[in-house]
Amino acid sequence: MTSSSAPSRKALSKIACNRLQKELVEWQVNPPAGFKHKVTDNLQRWIIEVVGAAGTLYANETYQLQVDFPEHYPMEAPQVIFIPPAPLHPHIYSNGHICLDILYDSWSPAMTVSSVCISILSMLSSSVAKQRPADNDRYVKNCKNGRSPKETRWWFHDDKV
């Protein structure tokens, strides 16, 4: 991807940098089960490998999450998407966007990358069907030009999946 097609991102604030460095150290000491942080020199974008939990529909399947941190993290939620191919799941679109309230309206600065990862794994683990959201094709078509999932007005009406 060329830099011209990427949305312009502001550099992380000092608070965001300090917080992320602290989270990175904590991650290295105590990584959440089922996740591997791929080390890069970019503090603003983390690539995280996810392995489906044993005994679930996604057991032993490996996916990658891309976590992009905004200038004012943790006051603002990170953007978290699956790098395609994304898992087949009723709340995950084929372009990797994830419909999960804590990534948007229910975000709290007390949350960490680890807690977000655990929530995503729990969402995967509780799924009873490998399928795309009903409106997948329409949604993906409307997300052209690298639109961020944070620009979507999500409806969180189904907490059973």
N, C-alpha and C. Protein backbone atom coordinates (compact mmCIF):
# COMPACT_ATOMS: atom_id res chain seq x y z
N MET A 1 0.85 -1.19 0.00
CA MET A 1 0.00 0.00 0.00
C MET A 1 0.89 1.24 0.00
N THR A 2 0.60 2.16 -0.88
CA THR A 2 1.41 3.38 -0.92
C THR A 2 0.89 4.36 0.11
N SER A 3 1.78 5.25 0.49
CA SER A 3 1.39 6.20 1.54
C SER A 3 0.29 7.14 1.06
N SER A 4 0.17 7.33 -0.25
CA SER A 4 -0.85 8.25 -0.73
C SER A 4 -2.26 7.71 -0.50
N SER A 5 -2.42 6.37 -0.50
CA SER A 5 -3.77 5.83 -0.30
C SER A 5 -4.10 5.65 1.18
N ALA A 6 -3.08 5.75 2.03
CA ALA A 6 -3.32 5.59 3.47
C ALA A 6 -3.91 6.88 4.02
N PRO A 7 -4.86 6.76 4.95
CA PRO A 7 -5.38 8.00 5.54
C PRO A 7 -4.24 8.68 6.29
N SER A 8 -4.22 10.01 6.25
CA SER A 8 -3.11 10.69 6.92
C SER A 8 -3.31 10.55 8.43
N ARG A 9 -2.28 10.06 9.07
CA ARG A 9 -2.38 9.86 10.52
C ARG A 9 -1.43 10.79 11.21
N LYS A 10 -1.91 11.35 12.30
CA LYS A 10 -1.04 12.22 13.09
C LYS A 10 -0.16 11.36 13.96
N ALA A 11 1.01 11.87 14.25
CA ALA A 11 1.93 11.14 15.12
C ALA A 11 1.28 10.97 16.49
N LEU A 12 1.71 9.93 17.18
CA LEU A 12 1.18 9.68 18.52
C LEU A 12 1.58 10.79 19.47
N SER A 13 0.67 11.14 20.37
CA SER A 13 1.00 12.12 21.41
C SER A 13 1.98 11.47 22.38
N LYS A 14 2.59 12.27 23.22
CA LYS A 14 3.53 11.73 24.21
C LYS A 14 2.81 10.75 25.15
N ILE A 15 1.59 11.10 25.53
CA ILE A 15 0.80 10.22 26.41
C ILE A 15 0.58 8.86 25.72
N ALA A 16 0.20 8.90 24.43
CA ALA A 16 -0.05 7.67 23.69
C ALA A 16 1.23 6.83 23.59
N CYS A 17 2.35 7.49 23.30
CA CYS A 17 3.63 6.78 23.20
C CYS A 17 3.98 6.08 24.51
N ASN A 18 3.87 6.82 25.60
CA ASN A 18 4.21 6.25 26.91
C ASN A 18 3.29 5.07 27.23
N ARG A 19 2.01 5.25 26.97
CA ARG A 19 1.05 4.20 27.28
C ARG A 19 1.34 2.95 26.44
N LEU A 20 1.60 3.14 25.14
CA LEU A 20 1.84 1.99 24.27
C LEU A 20 3.14 1.27 24.63
N GLN A 21 4.16 2.03 25.00
CA GLN A 21 5.41 1.38 25.41
C GLN A 21 5.17 0.52 26.65
N LYS A 22 4.38 1.05 27.56
CA LYS A 22 4.05 0.31 28.77
C LYS A 22 3.25 -0.96 28.42
N GLU A 23 2.27 -0.81 27.53
CA GLU A 23 1.47 -1.98 27.12
C GLU A 23 2.33 -3.03 26.43
N LEU A 24 3.28 -2.56 25.63
CA LEU A 24 4.15 -3.49 24.92
C LEU A 24 5.00 -4.30 25.89
N VAL A 25 5.52 -3.64 26.91
CA VAL A 25 6.32 -4.33 27.92
C VAL A 25 5.44 -5.35 28.65
N GLU A 26 4.25 -4.93 29.04
CA GLU A 26 3.33 -5.85 29.74
C GLU A 26 2.98 -7.04 28.85
N TRP A 27 2.79 -6.78 27.56
CA TRP A 27 2.47 -7.84 26.60
C TRP A 27 3.61 -8.85 26.56
N GLN A 28 4.86 -8.33 26.49
CA GLN A 28 6.01 -9.24 26.40
C GLN A 28 6.15 -10.10 27.65
N VAL A 29 5.81 -9.52 28.81
CA VAL A 29 5.90 -10.26 30.06
C VAL A 29 4.74 -11.25 30.18
N ASN A 30 3.55 -10.82 29.77
CA ASN A 30 2.36 -11.63 29.99
C ASN A 30 1.41 -11.53 28.79
N PRO A 31 1.77 -12.16 27.65
CA PRO A 31 0.90 -12.04 26.47
C PRO A 31 -0.42 -12.76 26.68
N PRO A 32 -1.52 -12.24 26.11
CA PRO A 32 -2.79 -12.96 26.24
C PRO A 32 -2.70 -14.30 25.51
N ALA A 33 -3.29 -15.34 26.07
CA ALA A 33 -3.20 -16.68 25.47
C ALA A 33 -3.80 -16.68 24.08
N GLY A 34 -3.07 -17.27 23.13
CA GLY A 34 -3.58 -17.37 21.77
C GLY A 34 -3.16 -16.23 20.86
N PHE A 35 -2.32 -15.31 21.38
CA PHE A 35 -1.93 -14.15 20.58
C PHE A 35 -0.42 -13.98 20.53
N LYS A 36 0.06 -13.52 19.37
CA LYS A 36 1.48 -13.24 19.21
C LYS A 36 1.63 -11.88 18.56
N HIS A 37 2.38 -10.99 19.18
CA HIS A 37 2.63 -9.67 18.60
C HIS A 37 3.83 -9.80 17.67
N LYS A 38 3.65 -9.42 16.42
CA LYS A 38 4.76 -9.48 15.48
C LYS A 38 5.56 -8.19 15.65
N VAL A 39 6.78 -8.35 16.05
CA VAL A 39 7.57 -7.17 16.39
C VAL A 39 7.97 -6.38 15.14
N THR A 40 7.64 -5.09 15.18
CA THR A 40 8.10 -4.17 14.14
C THR A 40 8.60 -2.95 14.88
N ASP A 41 9.14 -2.00 14.14
CA ASP A 41 9.61 -0.78 14.82
C ASP A 41 8.54 0.30 14.79
N ASN A 42 7.32 -0.08 14.42
CA ASN A 42 6.23 0.90 14.33
C ASN A 42 5.31 0.77 15.54
N LEU A 43 5.44 1.71 16.46
CA LEU A 43 4.61 1.68 17.66
C LEU A 43 3.15 1.98 17.35
N GLN A 44 2.92 2.68 16.23
CA GLN A 44 1.56 3.14 15.90
C GLN A 44 0.72 2.06 15.21
N ARG A 45 1.36 1.02 14.68
CA ARG A 45 0.62 -0.08 14.04
C ARG A 45 1.17 -1.40 14.56
N TRP A 46 0.32 -2.17 15.22
CA TRP A 46 0.71 -3.50 15.69
C TRP A 46 0.06 -4.54 14.80
N ILE A 47 0.82 -5.57 14.47
CA ILE A 47 0.26 -6.72 13.78
C ILE A 47 0.27 -7.85 14.80
N ILE A 48 -0.89 -8.44 15.01
CA ILE A 48 -1.03 -9.46 16.06
C ILE A 48 -1.59 -10.73 15.44
N GLU A 49 -0.91 -11.83 15.72
CA GLU A 49 -1.38 -13.12 15.22
C GLU A 49 -2.34 -13.72 16.23
N VAL A 50 -3.47 -14.22 15.74
CA VAL A 50 -4.50 -14.82 16.59
C VAL A 50 -4.64 -16.29 16.21
N VAL A 51 -4.63 -17.16 17.19
CA VAL A 51 -4.88 -18.58 16.92
C VAL A 51 -6.21 -18.95 17.57
N GLY A 52 -7.10 -19.53 16.77
CA GLY A 52 -8.42 -19.93 17.27
C GLY A 52 -8.29 -20.89 18.45
N ALA A 53 -9.14 -20.70 19.44
CA ALA A 53 -9.08 -21.51 20.67
C ALA A 53 -9.51 -22.95 20.41
N ALA A 54 -8.89 -23.88 21.12
CA ALA A 54 -9.23 -25.30 21.01
C ALA A 54 -10.70 -25.49 21.34
N GLY A 55 -11.34 -26.42 20.66
CA GLY A 55 -12.73 -26.73 20.96
C GLY A 55 -13.72 -25.74 20.39
N THR A 56 -13.26 -24.79 19.54
CA THR A 56 -14.19 -23.83 18.91
C THR A 56 -14.17 -24.06 17.40
N LEU A 57 -15.06 -23.38 16.68
CA LEU A 57 -15.10 -23.50 15.22
C LEU A 57 -13.79 -23.06 14.57
N TYR A 58 -13.02 -22.26 15.29
CA TYR A 58 -11.80 -21.68 14.71
C TYR A 58 -10.52 -22.33 15.26
N ALA A 59 -10.67 -23.47 15.91
CA ALA A 59 -9.52 -24.14 16.55
C ALA A 59 -8.36 -24.27 15.57
N ASN A 60 -7.18 -23.86 16.03
CA ASN A 60 -5.93 -23.97 15.27
C ASN A 60 -5.88 -23.15 13.98
N GLU A 61 -6.87 -22.34 13.72
CA GLU A 61 -6.80 -21.46 12.55
C GLU A 61 -6.06 -20.20 12.98
N THR A 62 -5.24 -19.66 12.09
CA THR A 62 -4.46 -18.48 12.42
C THR A 62 -4.91 -17.29 11.57
N TYR A 63 -5.11 -16.17 12.24
CA TYR A 63 -5.51 -14.93 11.56
C TYR A 63 -4.60 -13.80 12.04
N GLN A 64 -4.66 -12.69 11.32
CA GLN A 64 -3.86 -11.55 11.75
C GLN A 64 -4.73 -10.33 11.96
N LEU A 65 -4.49 -9.67 13.09
CA LEU A 65 -5.17 -8.42 13.39
C LEU A 65 -4.19 -7.28 13.13
N GLN A 66 -4.71 -6.20 12.60
CA GLN A 66 -3.91 -4.99 12.46
C GLN A 66 -4.52 -3.96 13.39
N VAL A 67 -3.69 -3.44 14.28
CA VAL A 67 -4.16 -2.47 15.27
C VAL A 67 -3.46 -1.14 14.99
N ASP A 68 -4.24 -0.14 14.64
CA ASP A 68 -3.69 1.20 14.38
C ASP A 68 -4.12 2.13 15.50
N PHE A 69 -3.14 2.80 16.08
CA PHE A 69 -3.43 3.66 17.23
C PHE A 69 -3.54 5.11 16.81
N PRO A 70 -4.61 5.79 17.27
CA PRO A 70 -4.80 7.21 16.94
C PRO A 70 -3.89 8.08 17.80
N GLU A 71 -3.77 9.31 17.39
CA GLU A 71 -2.91 10.28 18.08
C GLU A 71 -3.21 10.33 19.58
N HIS A 72 -4.50 10.27 19.94
CA HIS A 72 -4.89 10.46 21.34
C HIS A 72 -5.26 9.17 22.06
N TYR A 73 -4.67 8.04 21.62
CA TYR A 73 -4.84 6.80 22.37
C TYR A 73 -4.30 7.04 23.78
N PRO A 74 -4.89 6.55 24.84
CA PRO A 74 -6.06 5.67 24.92
C PRO A 74 -7.39 6.42 25.09
N MET A 75 -7.39 7.75 24.94
CA MET A 75 -8.67 8.46 25.05
C MET A 75 -9.57 8.10 23.86
N GLU A 76 -8.93 7.70 22.77
CA GLU A 76 -9.64 7.32 21.55
C GLU A 76 -9.30 5.86 21.27
N ALA A 77 -10.28 5.10 20.80
CA ALA A 77 -10.07 3.67 20.54
C ALA A 77 -9.12 3.45 19.38
N PRO A 78 -8.35 2.36 19.43
CA PRO A 78 -7.55 2.01 18.26
C PRO A 78 -8.47 1.48 17.16
N GLN A 79 -7.98 1.49 15.93
CA GLN A 79 -8.74 0.86 14.85
C GLN A 79 -8.21 -0.57 14.75
N VAL A 80 -9.09 -1.54 14.88
CA VAL A 80 -8.68 -2.94 14.86
C VAL A 80 -9.43 -3.64 13.74
N ILE A 81 -8.66 -4.24 12.80
CA ILE A 81 -9.29 -4.99 11.72
C ILE A 81 -8.52 -6.30 11.51
N PHE A 82 -9.20 -7.27 10.93
CA PHE A 82 -8.50 -8.49 10.51
C PHE A 82 -7.88 -8.21 9.15
N ILE A 83 -6.62 -8.63 8.97
CA ILE A 83 -6.01 -8.54 7.66
C ILE A 83 -6.60 -9.70 6.86
N PRO A 84 -7.27 -9.42 5.72
CA PRO A 84 -7.88 -10.52 4.97
C PRO A 84 -6.83 -11.58 4.59
N PRO A 85 -7.22 -12.87 4.55
CA PRO A 85 -8.58 -13.38 4.74
C PRO A 85 -9.02 -13.36 6.20
N ALA A 86 -10.15 -12.71 6.43
CA ALA A 86 -10.70 -12.61 7.79
C ALA A 86 -11.49 -13.88 8.09
N PRO A 87 -11.61 -14.23 9.38
CA PRO A 87 -12.41 -15.42 9.72
C PRO A 87 -13.86 -15.24 9.28
N LEU A 88 -14.48 -16.34 8.89
CA LEU A 88 -15.91 -16.33 8.57
C LEU A 88 -16.66 -16.25 9.89
N HIS A 89 -17.31 -15.14 10.14
CA HIS A 89 -17.98 -14.94 11.43
C HIS A 89 -19.12 -13.94 11.22
N PRO A 90 -20.25 -14.11 11.93
CA PRO A 90 -21.40 -13.21 11.73
C PRO A 90 -21.12 -11.74 12.07
N HIS A 91 -20.03 -11.44 12.79
CA HIS A 91 -19.72 -10.04 13.12
C HIS A 91 -18.41 -9.56 12.49
N ILE A 92 -17.90 -10.32 11.52
CA ILE A 92 -16.64 -9.91 10.87
C ILE A 92 -16.87 -9.88 9.37
N TYR A 93 -16.64 -8.71 8.79
CA TYR A 93 -16.87 -8.53 7.36
C TYR A 93 -15.68 -9.05 6.56
N SER A 94 -15.91 -9.38 5.28
CA SER A 94 -14.85 -9.97 4.47
C SER A 94 -13.68 -9.01 4.27
N ASN A 95 -13.91 -7.71 4.46
CA ASN A 95 -12.80 -6.75 4.35
C ASN A 95 -12.04 -6.62 5.68
N GLY A 96 -12.41 -7.43 6.67
CA GLY A 96 -11.68 -7.43 7.94
C GLY A 96 -12.28 -6.57 9.03
N HIS A 97 -13.29 -5.76 8.70
CA HIS A 97 -13.90 -4.90 9.72
C HIS A 97 -14.66 -5.76 10.73
N ILE A 98 -14.57 -5.34 11.99
CA ILE A 98 -15.15 -6.11 13.09
C ILE A 98 -16.26 -5.30 13.75
N CYS A 99 -17.41 -5.91 13.88
CA CYS A 99 -18.53 -5.25 14.56
C CYS A 99 -18.50 -5.66 16.03
N LEU A 100 -17.82 -4.88 16.84
CA LEU A 100 -17.68 -5.17 18.26
C LEU A 100 -17.71 -3.84 19.00
N ASP A 101 -18.68 -3.69 19.91
CA ASP A 101 -18.94 -2.38 20.52
C ASP A 101 -17.73 -1.74 21.21
N ILE A 102 -16.86 -2.53 21.83
CA ILE A 102 -15.73 -1.90 22.55
C ILE A 102 -14.74 -1.21 21.62
N LEU A 103 -14.81 -1.52 20.32
CA LEU A 103 -13.91 -0.85 19.37
C LEU A 103 -14.45 0.52 18.97
N TYR A 104 -15.67 0.81 19.38
CA TYR A 104 -16.32 2.06 18.96
C TYR A 104 -16.95 2.75 20.16
N ASP A 105 -18.28 2.64 20.28
CA ASP A 105 -19.02 3.39 21.31
C ASP A 105 -18.66 3.00 22.74
N SER A 106 -18.34 1.73 22.96
CA SER A 106 -18.11 1.29 24.34
C SER A 106 -16.64 1.27 24.73
N TRP A 107 -15.79 1.89 23.95
CA TRP A 107 -14.37 1.95 24.27
C TRP A 107 -14.16 2.70 25.58
N SER A 108 -13.20 2.25 26.36
CA SER A 108 -12.83 2.96 27.59
C SER A 108 -11.31 3.05 27.64
N PRO A 109 -10.77 4.19 28.08
CA PRO A 109 -9.30 4.33 28.17
C PRO A 109 -8.66 3.30 29.11
N ALA A 110 -9.47 2.64 29.94
CA ALA A 110 -8.93 1.62 30.83
C ALA A 110 -8.62 0.33 30.06
N MET A 111 -9.17 0.19 28.85
CA MET A 111 -8.93 -1.02 28.06
C MET A 111 -7.53 -0.98 27.46
N THR A 112 -7.02 -2.17 27.16
CA THR A 112 -5.69 -2.29 26.58
C THR A 112 -5.78 -3.14 25.32
N VAL A 113 -4.68 -3.21 24.59
CA VAL A 113 -4.65 -4.08 23.42
C VAL A 113 -4.94 -5.51 23.85
N SER A 114 -4.38 -5.93 24.97
CA SER A 114 -4.63 -7.29 25.48
C SER A 114 -6.11 -7.53 25.73
N SER A 115 -6.77 -6.59 26.39
CA SER A 115 -8.19 -6.80 26.71
C SER A 115 -9.03 -6.82 25.43
N VAL A 116 -8.65 -6.02 24.43
CA VAL A 116 -9.37 -6.02 23.15
C VAL A 116 -9.17 -7.37 22.46
N CYS A 117 -7.93 -7.87 22.47
CA CYS A 117 -7.65 -9.17 21.85
C CYS A 117 -8.48 -10.28 22.50
N ILE A 118 -8.54 -10.26 23.81
CA ILE A 118 -9.29 -11.28 24.54
C ILE A 118 -10.78 -11.20 24.17
N SER A 119 -11.31 -9.99 24.04
CA SER A 119 -12.71 -9.82 23.63
C SER A 119 -12.95 -10.37 22.23
N ILE A 120 -12.01 -10.12 21.32
CA ILE A 120 -12.17 -10.61 19.95
C ILE A 120 -12.11 -12.14 19.92
N LEU A 121 -11.18 -12.71 20.69
CA LEU A 121 -11.08 -14.17 20.73
C LEU A 121 -12.35 -14.78 21.34
N SER A 122 -12.87 -14.12 22.35
CA SER A 122 -14.09 -14.61 22.99
C SER A 122 -15.27 -14.53 22.01
N MET A 123 -15.32 -13.46 21.21
CA MET A 123 -16.35 -13.32 20.19
C MET A 123 -16.23 -14.47 19.17
N LEU A 124 -15.00 -14.75 18.74
CA LEU A 124 -14.78 -15.86 17.80
C LEU A 124 -15.20 -17.19 18.44
N SER A 125 -14.75 -17.39 19.68
CA SER A 125 -14.97 -18.67 20.36
C SER A 125 -16.43 -18.98 20.59
N SER A 126 -17.26 -17.93 20.77
CA SER A 126 -18.66 -18.18 21.09
C SER A 126 -19.53 -18.36 19.85
N SER A 127 -18.94 -18.19 18.66
CA SER A 127 -19.73 -18.30 17.44
C SER A 127 -20.16 -19.75 17.19
N VAL A 128 -21.41 -19.90 16.74
CA VAL A 128 -21.93 -21.24 16.45
C VAL A 128 -22.01 -21.50 14.95
N ALA A 129 -21.72 -20.49 14.14
CA ALA A 129 -21.77 -20.69 12.69
C ALA A 129 -20.68 -19.89 12.00
N LYS A 130 -20.04 -20.52 11.02
CA LYS A 130 -19.05 -19.79 10.23
C LYS A 130 -19.78 -19.17 9.05
N GLN A 131 -20.11 -17.90 9.21
CA GLN A 131 -20.80 -17.22 8.12
C GLN A 131 -20.51 -15.74 8.19
N ARG A 132 -20.66 -15.07 7.07
CA ARG A 132 -20.47 -13.62 7.01
C ARG A 132 -21.74 -12.92 7.53
N PRO A 133 -21.60 -11.66 7.95
CA PRO A 133 -22.80 -10.89 8.33
C PRO A 133 -23.75 -10.82 7.14
N ALA A 134 -25.04 -10.74 7.43
CA ALA A 134 -26.07 -10.74 6.37
C ALA A 134 -25.85 -9.63 5.35
N ASP A 135 -25.34 -8.48 5.80
CA ASP A 135 -25.18 -7.34 4.89
C ASP A 135 -23.74 -7.20 4.40
N ASN A 136 -22.97 -8.29 4.43
CA ASN A 136 -21.54 -8.22 4.09
C ASN A 136 -21.27 -7.56 2.75
N ASP A 137 -21.93 -8.01 1.69
CA ASP A 137 -21.59 -7.51 0.36
C ASP A 137 -21.88 -6.02 0.23
N ARG A 138 -23.04 -5.60 0.75
CA ARG A 138 -23.39 -4.19 0.68
C ARG A 138 -22.41 -3.34 1.47
N TYR A 139 -22.08 -3.82 2.69
CA TYR A 139 -21.17 -3.07 3.56
C TYR A 139 -19.79 -2.92 2.91
N VAL A 140 -19.25 -4.03 2.43
CA VAL A 140 -17.90 -4.01 1.84
C VAL A 140 -17.86 -3.10 0.62
N LYS A 141 -18.94 -3.15 -0.19
CA LYS A 141 -19.01 -2.29 -1.37
C LYS A 141 -18.99 -0.82 -0.97
N ASN A 142 -19.63 -0.50 0.15
CA ASN A 142 -19.67 0.90 0.62
C ASN A 142 -18.40 1.34 1.33
N CYS A 143 -17.47 0.42 1.54
CA CYS A 143 -16.24 0.74 2.27
C CYS A 143 -15.06 0.93 1.34
N LYS A 144 -15.29 1.35 0.13
CA LYS A 144 -14.20 1.51 -0.83
C LYS A 144 -13.21 2.57 -0.35
N ASN A 145 -12.07 2.60 -0.99
CA ASN A 145 -11.04 3.61 -0.74
C ASN A 145 -10.52 3.61 0.69
N GLY A 146 -10.38 2.41 1.24
CA GLY A 146 -9.73 2.31 2.54
C GLY A 146 -10.47 2.99 3.67
N ARG A 147 -11.79 3.06 3.56
CA ARG A 147 -12.56 3.71 4.62
C ARG A 147 -12.38 2.98 5.95
N SER A 148 -12.25 3.73 7.00
CA SER A 148 -12.04 3.15 8.33
C SER A 148 -13.34 2.62 8.89
N PRO A 149 -13.28 1.48 9.61
CA PRO A 149 -14.51 0.99 10.25
C PRO A 149 -15.02 1.97 11.30
N LYS A 150 -14.15 2.89 11.75
CA LYS A 150 -14.60 3.87 12.75
C LYS A 150 -15.56 4.89 12.14
N GLU A 151 -15.64 4.91 10.80
CA GLU A 151 -16.58 5.83 10.15
C GLU A 151 -17.95 5.19 10.00
N THR A 152 -18.07 3.93 10.37
CA THR A 152 -19.35 3.22 10.27
C THR A 152 -20.20 3.51 11.49
N ARG A 153 -21.50 3.66 11.26
CA ARG A 153 -22.41 3.78 12.41
C ARG A 153 -22.94 2.39 12.70
N TRP A 154 -22.32 1.73 13.65
CA TRP A 154 -22.67 0.35 13.95
C TRP A 154 -23.91 0.28 14.81
N TRP A 155 -24.68 -0.76 14.62
CA TRP A 155 -25.80 -1.07 15.51
C TRP A 155 -25.43 -2.31 16.28
N PHE A 156 -25.35 -2.21 17.58
CA PHE A 156 -24.98 -3.37 18.40
C PHE A 156 -26.25 -3.91 19.03
N HIS A 157 -26.91 -4.82 18.29
CA HIS A 157 -28.20 -5.29 18.75
C HIS A 157 -28.16 -6.77 19.05
N ASP A 158 -27.06 -7.44 18.68
CA ASP A 158 -27.04 -8.88 18.83
C ASP A 158 -25.84 -9.28 19.68
N ASP A 159 -26.06 -9.50 20.96
CA ASP A 159 -24.91 -9.83 21.82
C ASP A 159 -24.82 -11.33 22.07
N LYS A 160 -25.56 -12.12 21.29
CA LYS A 160 -25.51 -13.57 21.52
C LYS A 160 -24.49 -14.26 20.64
N VAL A 161 -24.04 -13.59 19.57
CA VAL A 161 -23.13 -14.24 18.62
C VAL A 161 -21.71 -14.16 19.11
